[in-house]
């Protein structure tokens, strides 16, 4: 008995899970773990450090439409791969900061690369690969945010205590590079057509649409049949009336001739 192959789109989901697990938590949830050590060494206020993270996340409000259009038109694999490398370098550059301006510059570039490498391309790929079970696939991919936060939160806490904030930034950057870059290079694909495949569930959707069209056609035809029958009945009645009247006209004409 031939074994059914696993649809490649589920491997894409796993690759997206690796992206969200490694790249999103350090930006969205774990950045404040560095707050005490960074503000203490650089002698800056906590609000100044928080502003750096606000700049990073706020870029999405203004640049998301531009990034989405660029990813849709361009080579997503190339853009995402370059962006992951840029993200890793920018994230590691936090470890070199000597003042708050350096933090803001690093946040700006990290935010740009983050948009091109993480949530936007992940959402686009899941949408391209799945028609049916799209919600399930998207949920699995986005679950990486919680999974990564759960895994890396104690890791970062231990690294901060053991090696300090500068080394922790570098180690986390290396972890992201090792896990996210291979996923983008060897697993992720922009759309199923690139591999000669169809989106998951697209054939079933086509069959359902065809069934709906056939059903609507039958309903329309059934509405036309009674009208056609009425027209035929009226035509037959007219012929019968003419058949009744025709002999009378003949008799009347004969009498007039006589």
C-alpha atoms as a PDB file:
ATOM      1  CA  UNK A   1       0.000   0.000   0.000  1.00  0.00           C
ATOM      2  CA  UNK A   2       1.439   3.321  -1.065  1.00  0.00           C
ATOM      3  CA  UNK A   3       2.032   5.748   1.786  1.00  0.00           C
ATOM      4  CA  UNK A   4       0.519   9.178   1.391  1.00  0.00           C
ATOM      5  CA  UNK A   5       3.163  11.911   1.317  1.00  0.00           C
ATOM      6  CA  UNK A   6       3.008  14.806   3.756  1.00  0.00           C
ATOM      7  CA  UNK A   7       1.962  17.981   1.965  1.00  0.00           C
ATOM      8  CA  UNK A   8       4.988  20.281   1.735  1.00  0.00           C
ATOM      9  CA  UNK A   9       3.001  23.206   3.069  1.00  0.00           C
ATOM     10  CA  UNK A  10       3.248  21.691   6.544  1.00  0.00           C
ATOM     11  CA  UNK A  11       7.039  21.852   6.304  1.00  0.00           C
ATOM     12  CA  UNK A  12       6.608  25.528   5.427  1.00  0.00           C
ATOM     13  CA  UNK A  13       4.514  25.891   8.593  1.00  0.00           C
ATOM     14  CA  UNK A  14       7.368  24.342  10.595  1.00  0.00           C
ATOM     15  CA  UNK A  15       9.857  26.748   8.999  1.00  0.00           C
ATOM     16  CA  UNK A  16       7.591  29.677   9.858  1.00  0.00           C
ATOM     17  CA  UNK A  17       7.394  28.350  13.414  1.00  0.00           C
ATOM     18  CA  UNK A  18      11.189  28.473  13.607  1.00  0.00           C
ATOM     19  CA  UNK A  19      11.150  32.102  12.408  1.00  0.00           C
ATOM     20  CA  UNK A  20       8.537  33.281  14.897  1.00  0.00           C
ATOM     21  CA  UNK A  21      10.101  31.248  17.732  1.00  0.00           C
ATOM     22  CA  UNK A  22      13.553  32.794  17.371  1.00  0.00           C
ATOM     23  CA  UNK A  23      13.048  36.301  15.960  1.00  0.00           C
ATOM     24  CA  UNK A  24       9.853  37.629  17.525  1.00  0.00           C
ATOM     25  CA  UNK A  25      10.240  37.043  21.310  1.00  0.00           C
ATOM     26  CA  UNK A  26      13.544  38.941  21.678  1.00  0.00           C
ATOM     27  CA  UNK A  27      11.806  41.970  20.147  1.00  0.00           C
ATOM     28  CA  UNK A  28       8.253  41.745  21.451  1.00  0.00           C
ATOM     29  CA  UNK A  29       8.521  40.167  24.886  1.00  0.00           C
ATOM     30  CA  UNK A  30      12.073  39.818  26.181  1.00  0.00           C
ATOM     31  CA  UNK A  31      13.727  43.147  25.424  1.00  0.00           C
ATOM     32  CA  UNK A  32      13.002  44.563  28.885  1.00  0.00           C
ATOM     33  CA  UNK A  33      15.088  41.839  30.504  1.00  0.00           C
ATOM     34  CA  UNK A  34      18.116  43.902  29.450  1.00  0.00           C
ATOM     35  CA  UNK A  35      16.732  47.099  30.972  1.00  0.00           C
ATOM     36  CA  UNK A  36      18.395  47.081  34.398  1.00  0.00           C
ATOM     37  CA  UNK A  37      21.892  46.175  33.253  1.00  0.00           C
ATOM     38  CA  UNK A  38      21.881  48.462  30.172  1.00  0.00           C
ATOM     39  CA  UNK A  39      20.507  51.517  31.978  1.00  0.00           C
ATOM     40  CA  UNK A  40      22.868  50.952  34.879  1.00  0.00           C
ATOM     41  CA  UNK A  41      26.020  50.748  32.771  1.00  0.00           C
ATOM     42  CA  UNK A  42      25.149  53.467  30.244  1.00  0.00           C
ATOM     43  CA  UNK A  43      23.704  55.770  32.917  1.00  0.00           C
ATOM     44  CA  UNK A  44      20.462  56.406  31.013  1.00  0.00           C
ATOM     45  CA  UNK A  45      16.887  56.496  32.201  1.00  0.00           C
ATOM     46  CA  UNK A  46      14.524  53.567  31.843  1.00  0.00           C
ATOM     47  CA  UNK A  47      12.245  55.626  29.618  1.00  0.00           C
ATOM     48  CA  UNK A  48      15.177  56.313  27.282  1.00  0.00           C
ATOM     49  CA  UNK A  49      15.828  52.570  26.983  1.00  0.00           C
ATOM     50  CA  UNK A  50      12.117  51.847  26.454  1.00  0.00           C
ATOM     51  CA  UNK A  51      12.015  54.441  23.670  1.00  0.00           C
ATOM     52  CA  UNK A  52      14.537  52.353  21.733  1.00  0.00           C
ATOM     53  CA  UNK A  53      12.120  49.423  21.747  1.00  0.00           C
ATOM     54  CA  UNK A  54       9.237  51.729  20.836  1.00  0.00           C
ATOM     55  CA  UNK A  55      11.153  52.915  17.768  1.00  0.00           C
ATOM     56  CA  UNK A  56      11.821  49.320  16.749  1.00  0.00           C
ATOM     57  CA  UNK A  57       8.198  48.203  17.004  1.00  0.00           C
ATOM     58  CA  UNK A  58       6.718  51.497  15.783  1.00  0.00           C
ATOM     59  CA  UNK A  59       8.367  51.171  12.382  1.00  0.00           C
ATOM     60  CA  UNK A  60       5.796  48.521  11.528  1.00  0.00           C
ATOM     61  CA  UNK A  61       2.984  51.084  11.569  1.00  0.00           C
ATOM     62  CA  UNK A  62       4.559  53.113   8.782  1.00  0.00           C
ATOM     63  CA  UNK A  63       6.519  50.553   6.768  1.00  0.00           C
ATOM     64  CA  UNK A  64       4.283  47.464   6.765  1.00  0.00           C
ATOM     65  CA  UNK A  65       2.401  48.384   3.543  1.00  0.00           C
ATOM     66  CA  UNK A  66       5.669  49.097   1.725  1.00  0.00           C
ATOM     67  CA  UNK A  67       7.283  45.877   2.966  1.00  0.00           C
ATOM     68  CA  UNK A  68       4.220  43.796   2.039  1.00  0.00           C
ATOM     69  CA  UNK A  69       4.147  45.169  -1.513  1.00  0.00           C
ATOM     70  CA  UNK A  70       7.887  44.598  -1.912  1.00  0.00           C
ATOM     71  CA  UNK A  71       7.675  41.002  -0.687  1.00  0.00           C
ATOM     72  CA  UNK A  72       4.686  40.275  -2.933  1.00  0.00           C
ATOM     73  CA  UNK A  73       6.486  41.503  -6.059  1.00  0.00           C
ATOM     74  CA  UNK A  74      10.058  40.471  -5.312  1.00  0.00           C
ATOM     75  CA  UNK A  75      12.085  37.374  -4.523  1.00  0.00           C
ATOM     76  CA  UNK A  76      10.896  36.588  -0.999  1.00  0.00           C
ATOM     77  CA  UNK A  77      13.620  34.030  -0.265  1.00  0.00           C
ATOM     78  CA  UNK A  78      16.374  36.508  -1.129  1.00  0.00           C
ATOM     79  CA  UNK A  79      14.743  39.376   0.759  1.00  0.00           C
ATOM     80  CA  UNK A  80      14.075  37.263   3.839  1.00  0.00           C
ATOM     81  CA  UNK A  81      17.547  35.700   3.867  1.00  0.00           C
ATOM     82  CA  UNK A  82      19.307  39.052   3.600  1.00  0.00           C
ATOM     83  CA  UNK A  83      16.962  40.507   6.221  1.00  0.00           C
ATOM     84  CA  UNK A  84      17.688  37.708   8.701  1.00  0.00           C
ATOM     85  CA  UNK A  85      21.414  38.353   8.354  1.00  0.00           C
ATOM     86  CA  UNK A  86      20.819  42.102   8.698  1.00  0.00           C
ATOM     87  CA  UNK A  87      18.604  41.511  11.724  1.00  0.00           C
ATOM     88  CA  UNK A  88      21.270  39.379  13.410  1.00  0.00           C
ATOM     89  CA  UNK A  89      23.986  41.979  12.831  1.00  0.00           C
ATOM     90  CA  UNK A  90      21.755  44.841  13.976  1.00  0.00           C
ATOM     91  CA  UNK A  91      20.646  42.943  17.073  1.00  0.00           C
ATOM     92  CA  UNK A  92      24.258  42.095  17.930  1.00  0.00           C
ATOM     93  CA  UNK A  93      25.190  45.764  17.512  1.00  0.00           C
ATOM     94  CA  UNK A  94      23.250  46.551  20.712  1.00  0.00           C
ATOM     95  CA  UNK A  95      26.195  44.973  22.519  1.00  0.00           C
ATOM     96  CA  UNK A  96      28.491  47.711  21.202  1.00  0.00           C
ATOM     97  CA  UNK A  97      26.364  50.600  22.462  1.00  0.00           C
ATOM     98  CA  UNK A  98      28.110  53.304  24.469  1.00  0.00           C
ATOM     99  CA  UNK A  99      25.228  55.799  24.598  1.00  0.00           C
ATOM    100  CA  UNK A 100      21.509  56.012  24.019  1.00  0.00           C
ATOM    101  CA  UNK A 101      21.855  57.332  20.442  1.00  0.00           C
ATOM    102  CA  UNK A 102      23.611  54.111  19.501  1.00  0.00           C
ATOM    103  CA  UNK A 103      20.651  52.173  20.919  1.00  0.00           C
ATOM    104  CA  UNK A 104      18.245  54.198  18.787  1.00  0.00           C
ATOM    105  CA  UNK A 105      20.271  53.635  15.598  1.00  0.00           C
ATOM    106  CA  UNK A 106      20.470  49.888  16.272  1.00  0.00           C
ATOM    107  CA  UNK A 107      16.727  49.807  16.968  1.00  0.00           C
ATOM    108  CA  UNK A 108      15.963  51.541  13.672  1.00  0.00           C
ATOM    109  CA  UNK A 109      17.885  49.047  11.528  1.00  0.00           C
ATOM    110  CA  UNK A 110      16.757  46.059  13.602  1.00  0.00           C
ATOM    111  CA  UNK A 111      13.141  47.131  13.076  1.00  0.00           C
ATOM    112  CA  UNK A 112      13.513  47.404   9.288  1.00  0.00           C
ATOM    113  CA  UNK A 113      15.095  43.967   8.980  1.00  0.00           C
ATOM    114  CA  UNK A 114      12.561  42.510  11.430  1.00  0.00           C
ATOM    115  CA  UNK A 115       9.641  43.548   9.224  1.00  0.00           C
ATOM    116  CA  UNK A 116      11.195  41.982   6.118  1.00  0.00           C
ATOM    117  CA  UNK A 117      12.140  38.720   7.818  1.00  0.00           C
ATOM    118  CA  UNK A 118       9.475  37.706  10.316  1.00  0.00           C
ATOM    119  CA  UNK A 119       5.740  38.228  10.685  1.00  0.00           C
ATOM    120  CA  UNK A 120       4.868  39.722   7.294  1.00  0.00           C
ATOM    121  CA  UNK A 121       6.526  37.050   5.108  1.00  0.00           C
ATOM    122  CA  UNK A 122       5.256  34.325   7.441  1.00  0.00           C
ATOM    123  CA  UNK A 123       1.656  35.518   7.049  1.00  0.00           C
ATOM    124  CA  UNK A 124       2.032  35.799   3.279  1.00  0.00           C
ATOM    125  CA  UNK A 125       3.479  32.296   2.907  1.00  0.00           C
ATOM    126  CA  UNK A 126       0.763  30.666   5.012  1.00  0.00           C
ATOM    127  CA  UNK A 127      -1.896  32.462   2.971  1.00  0.00           C
ATOM    128  CA  UNK A 128      -0.295  31.331  -0.292  1.00  0.00           C
ATOM    129  CA  UNK A 129       0.076  27.689   0.737  1.00  0.00           C
ATOM    130  CA  UNK A 130      -3.298  27.035   2.362  1.00  0.00           C
ATOM    131  CA  UNK A 131      -6.908  27.414   1.281  1.00  0.00           C
ATOM    132  CA  UNK A 132      -8.342  24.860   3.685  1.00  0.00           C
ATOM    133  CA  UNK A 133      -6.968  24.646   7.248  1.00  0.00           C
ATOM    134  CA  UNK A 134      -5.398  28.088   6.812  1.00  0.00           C
ATOM    135  CA  UNK A 135      -6.438  29.075  10.326  1.00  0.00           C
ATOM    136  CA  UNK A 136      -4.802  25.967  11.783  1.00  0.00           C
ATOM    137  CA  UNK A 137      -1.593  26.541   9.823  1.00  0.00           C
ATOM    138  CA  UNK A 138      -1.465  30.206  10.866  1.00  0.00           C
ATOM    139  CA  UNK A 139      -2.091  29.306  14.504  1.00  0.00           C
ATOM    140  CA  UNK A 140       0.759  26.785  14.508  1.00  0.00           C
ATOM    141  CA  UNK A 141       3.137  29.266  12.881  1.00  0.00           C
ATOM    142  CA  UNK A 142       2.252  32.061  15.301  1.00  0.00           C
ATOM    143  CA  UNK A 143       2.447  29.721  18.284  1.00  0.00           C
ATOM    144  CA  UNK A 144       6.200  30.077  17.917  1.00  0.00           C
ATOM    145  CA  UNK A 145       5.941  33.488  19.596  1.00  0.00           C
ATOM    146  CA  UNK A 146       4.724  31.923  22.837  1.00  0.00           C
ATOM    147  CA  UNK A 147       6.990  28.893  22.526  1.00  0.00           C
ATOM    148  CA  UNK A 148      10.050  31.068  21.947  1.00  0.00           C
ATOM    149  CA  UNK A 149       9.177  33.334  24.835  1.00  0.00           C
ATOM    150  CA  UNK A 150       8.817  30.350  27.154  1.00  0.00           C
ATOM    151  CA  UNK A 151      12.137  28.851  26.051  1.00  0.00           C
ATOM    152  CA  UNK A 152      14.286  31.952  25.781  1.00  0.00           C
ATOM    153  CA  UNK A 153      13.069  33.824  28.848  1.00  0.00           C
ATOM    154  CA  UNK A 154      15.000  31.646  31.337  1.00  0.00           C
ATOM    155  CA  UNK A 155      17.899  31.374  28.873  1.00  0.00           C
ATOM    156  CA  UNK A 156      18.315  35.148  28.667  1.00  0.00           C
ATOM    157  CA  UNK A 157      17.945  35.485  32.434  1.00  0.00           C
ATOM    158  CA  UNK A 158      20.734  32.947  32.967  1.00  0.00           C
ATOM    159  CA  UNK A 159      22.968  34.502  30.299  1.00  0.00           C
ATOM    160  CA  UNK A 160      22.551  37.966  31.804  1.00  0.00           C
ATOM    161  CA  UNK A 161      23.573  36.679  35.198  1.00  0.00           C
ATOM    162  CA  UNK A 162      26.476  34.630  33.879  1.00  0.00           C
ATOM    163  CA  UNK A 163      27.941  36.785  31.094  1.00  0.00           C
ATOM    164  CA  UNK A 164      26.357  40.252  31.206  1.00  0.00           C
ATOM    165  CA  UNK A 165      24.160  42.093  28.730  1.00  0.00           C
ATOM    166  CA  UNK A 166      26.727  42.637  25.973  1.00  0.00           C
ATOM    167  CA  UNK A 167      27.583  38.944  25.625  1.00  0.00           C
ATOM    168  CA  UNK A 168      23.899  38.012  25.928  1.00  0.00           C
ATOM    169  CA  UNK A 169      23.008  40.145  22.899  1.00  0.00           C
ATOM    170  CA  UNK A 170      25.752  38.421  20.886  1.00  0.00           C
ATOM    171  CA  UNK A 171      24.811  34.907  21.985  1.00  0.00           C
ATOM    172  CA  UNK A 172      21.138  35.482  21.196  1.00  0.00           C
ATOM    173  CA  UNK A 173      22.068  36.892  17.797  1.00  0.00           C
ATOM    174  CA  UNK A 174      24.065  33.717  17.099  1.00  0.00           C
ATOM    175  CA  UNK A 175      21.151  31.497  18.180  1.00  0.00           C
ATOM    176  CA  UNK A 176      18.812  33.373  15.842  1.00  0.00           C
ATOM    177  CA  UNK A 177      21.266  33.026  12.971  1.00  0.00           C
ATOM    178  CA  UNK A 178      21.737  29.271  13.496  1.00  0.00           C
ATOM    179  CA  UNK A 179      18.008  28.491  13.732  1.00  0.00           C
ATOM    180  CA  UNK A 180      16.256  31.036  11.499  1.00  0.00           C
ATOM    181  CA  UNK A 181      18.639  31.273   8.539  1.00  0.00           C
ATOM    182  CA  UNK A 182      18.578  27.547   7.586  1.00  0.00           C
ATOM    183  CA  UNK A 183      14.776  27.592   7.777  1.00  0.00           C
ATOM    184  CA  UNK A 184      14.618  30.479   5.309  1.00  0.00           C
ATOM    185  CA  UNK A 185      17.217  28.963   2.987  1.00  0.00           C
ATOM    186  CA  UNK A 186      16.189  25.306   2.879  1.00  0.00           C
ATOM    187  CA  UNK A 187      12.550  25.019   3.992  1.00  0.00           C
ATOM    188  CA  UNK A 188      10.516  28.105   3.210  1.00  0.00           C
ATOM    189  CA  UNK A 189       9.023  28.720  -0.231  1.00  0.00           C
ATOM    190  CA  UNK A 190       6.955  31.721  -1.239  1.00  0.00           C
ATOM    191  CA  UNK A 191       4.147  29.820  -2.990  1.00  0.00           C
ATOM    192  CA  UNK A 192       3.318  26.195  -3.871  1.00  0.00           C
ATOM    193  CA  UNK A 193       3.437  26.909  -7.606  1.00  0.00           C
ATOM    194  CA  UNK A 194       7.208  27.357  -7.252  1.00  0.00           C
ATOM    195  CA  UNK A 195       7.380  23.612  -6.534  1.00  0.00           C
ATOM    196  CA  UNK A 196       4.728  22.544  -9.027  1.00  0.00           C
ATOM    197  CA  UNK A 197       2.094  22.157  -6.294  1.00  0.00           C
ATOM    198  CA  UNK A 198      -1.341  23.611  -5.613  1.00  0.00           C
ATOM    199  CA  UNK A 199      -2.446  25.335  -2.396  1.00  0.00           C
ATOM    200  CA  UNK A 200      -3.750  22.917   0.201  1.00  0.00           C
ATOM    201  CA  UNK A 201      -7.486  22.416  -0.296  1.00  0.00           C
ATOM    202  CA  UNK A 202      -7.705  24.334  -3.580  1.00  0.00           C
ATOM    203  CA  UNK A 203      -9.024  21.284  -5.459  1.00  0.00           C
ATOM    204  CA  UNK A 204     -11.753  20.708  -2.884  1.00  0.00           C
ATOM    205  CA  UNK A 205     -12.675  24.378  -3.119  1.00  0.00           C
ATOM    206  CA  UNK A 206     -12.913  24.100  -6.904  1.00  0.00           C
ATOM    207  CA  UNK A 207     -15.190  21.046  -6.624  1.00  0.00           C
ATOM    208  CA  UNK A 208     -17.431  22.833  -4.117  1.00  0.00           C
ATOM    209  CA  UNK A 209     -17.678  25.884  -6.372  1.00  0.00           C
ATOM    210  CA  UNK A 210     -18.542  23.652  -9.338  1.00  0.00           C
ATOM    211  CA  UNK A 211     -21.240  21.909  -7.288  1.00  0.00           C
ATOM    212  CA  UNK A 212     -22.703  25.258  -6.279  1.00  0.00           C
ATOM    213  CA  UNK A 213     -22.700  26.416  -9.888  1.00  0.00           C
ATOM    214  CA  UNK A 214     -24.373  23.172 -11.023  1.00  0.00           C
ATOM    215  CA  UNK A 215     -26.976  23.522  -8.285  1.00  0.00           C
ATOM    216  CA  UNK A 216     -27.736  27.117  -9.228  1.00  0.00           C
ATOM    217  CA  UNK A 217     -27.966  26.103 -12.903  1.00  0.00           C
ATOM    218  CA  UNK A 218     -30.462  23.357 -12.031  1.00  0.00           C
ATOM    219  CA  UNK A 219     -32.527  25.786  -9.974  1.00  0.00           C
ATOM    220  CA  UNK A 220     -32.597  28.266 -12.823  1.00  0.00           C
ATOM    221  CA  UNK A 221     -33.546  25.521 -15.281  1.00  0.00           C
ATOM    222  CA  UNK A 222     -36.333  24.284 -13.014  1.00  0.00           C
ATOM    223  CA  UNK A 223     -37.748  27.817 -12.906  1.00  0.00           C
ATOM    224  CA  UNK A 224     -37.685  28.024 -16.686  1.00  0.00           C
ATOM    225  CA  UNK A 225     -39.470  24.677 -17.228  1.00  0.00           C
ATOM    226  CA  UNK A 226     -42.916  25.727 -15.841  1.00  0.00           C
ATOM    227  CA  UNK A 227     -42.819  28.872 -17.986  1.00  0.00           C
ATOM    228  CA  UNK A 228     -41.993  26.779 -21.054  1.00  0.00           C
ATOM    229  CA  UNK A 229     -44.854  24.423 -20.215  1.00  0.00           C
ATOM    230  CA  UNK A 230     -47.259  27.359 -19.866  1.00  0.00           C
ATOM    231  CA  UNK A 231     -46.137  28.670 -23.246  1.00  0.00           C
ATOM    232  CA  UNK A 232     -46.671  25.258 -24.867  1.00  0.00           C
ATOM    233  CA  UNK A 233     -50.093  24.903 -23.231  1.00  0.00           C
ATOM    234  CA  UNK A 234     -51.146  28.351 -24.444  1.00  0.00           C
ATOM    235  CA  UNK A 235     -49.962  27.507 -27.940  1.00  0.00           C
ATOM    236  CA  UNK A 236     -51.892  24.236 -27.939  1.00  0.00           C
ATOM    237  CA  UNK A 237     -55.028  25.999 -26.702  1.00  0.00           C
ATOM    238  CA  UNK A 238     -54.734  28.527 -29.504  1.00  0.00           C
ATOM    239  CA  UNK A 239     -54.464  25.744 -32.068  1.00  0.00           C
ATOM    240  CA  UNK A 240     -57.508  23.988 -30.609  1.00  0.00           C
ATOM    241  CA  UNK A 241     -59.542  27.224 -30.738  1.00  0.00           C
ATOM    242  CA  UNK A 242     -58.582  27.713 -34.343  1.00  0.00           C
ATOM    243  CA  UNK A 243     -59.522  24.122 -35.068  1.00  0.00           C
ATOM    244  CA  UNK A 244     -62.990  24.743 -33.610  1.00  0.00           C
ATOM    245  CA  UNK A 245     -63.535  28.028 -35.431  1.00  0.00           C
ATOM    246  CA  UNK A 246     -62.150  26.940 -38.793  1.00  0.00           C
ATOM    247  CA  UNK A 247     -65.083  24.605 -39.773  1.00  0.00           C
ATOM    248  CA  UNK A 248     -67.556  27.355 -38.824  1.00  0.00           C
ATOM    249  CA  UNK A 249     -65.873  29.793 -41.219  1.00  0.00           C
ATOM    250  CA  UNK A 250     -65.993  27.185 -43.965  1.00  0.00           C
ATOM    251  CA  UNK A 251     -69.706  26.517 -43.455  1.00  0.00           C
ATOM    252  CA  UNK A 252     -70.447  30.221 -43.341  1.00  0.00           C
ATOM    253  CA  UNK A 253     -68.549  30.773 -46.574  1.00  0.00           C
ATOM    254  CA  UNK A 254     -70.416  27.882 -48.309  1.00  0.00           C
ATOM    255  CA  UNK A 255     -73.804  29.230 -47.264  1.00  0.00           C
ATOM    256  CA  UNK A 256     -72.943  32.637 -48.682  1.00  0.00           C
ATOM    257  CA  UNK A 257     -71.920  31.007 -51.933  1.00  0.00           C
ATOM    258  CA  UNK A 258     -75.219  29.178 -52.157  1.00  0.00           C
END
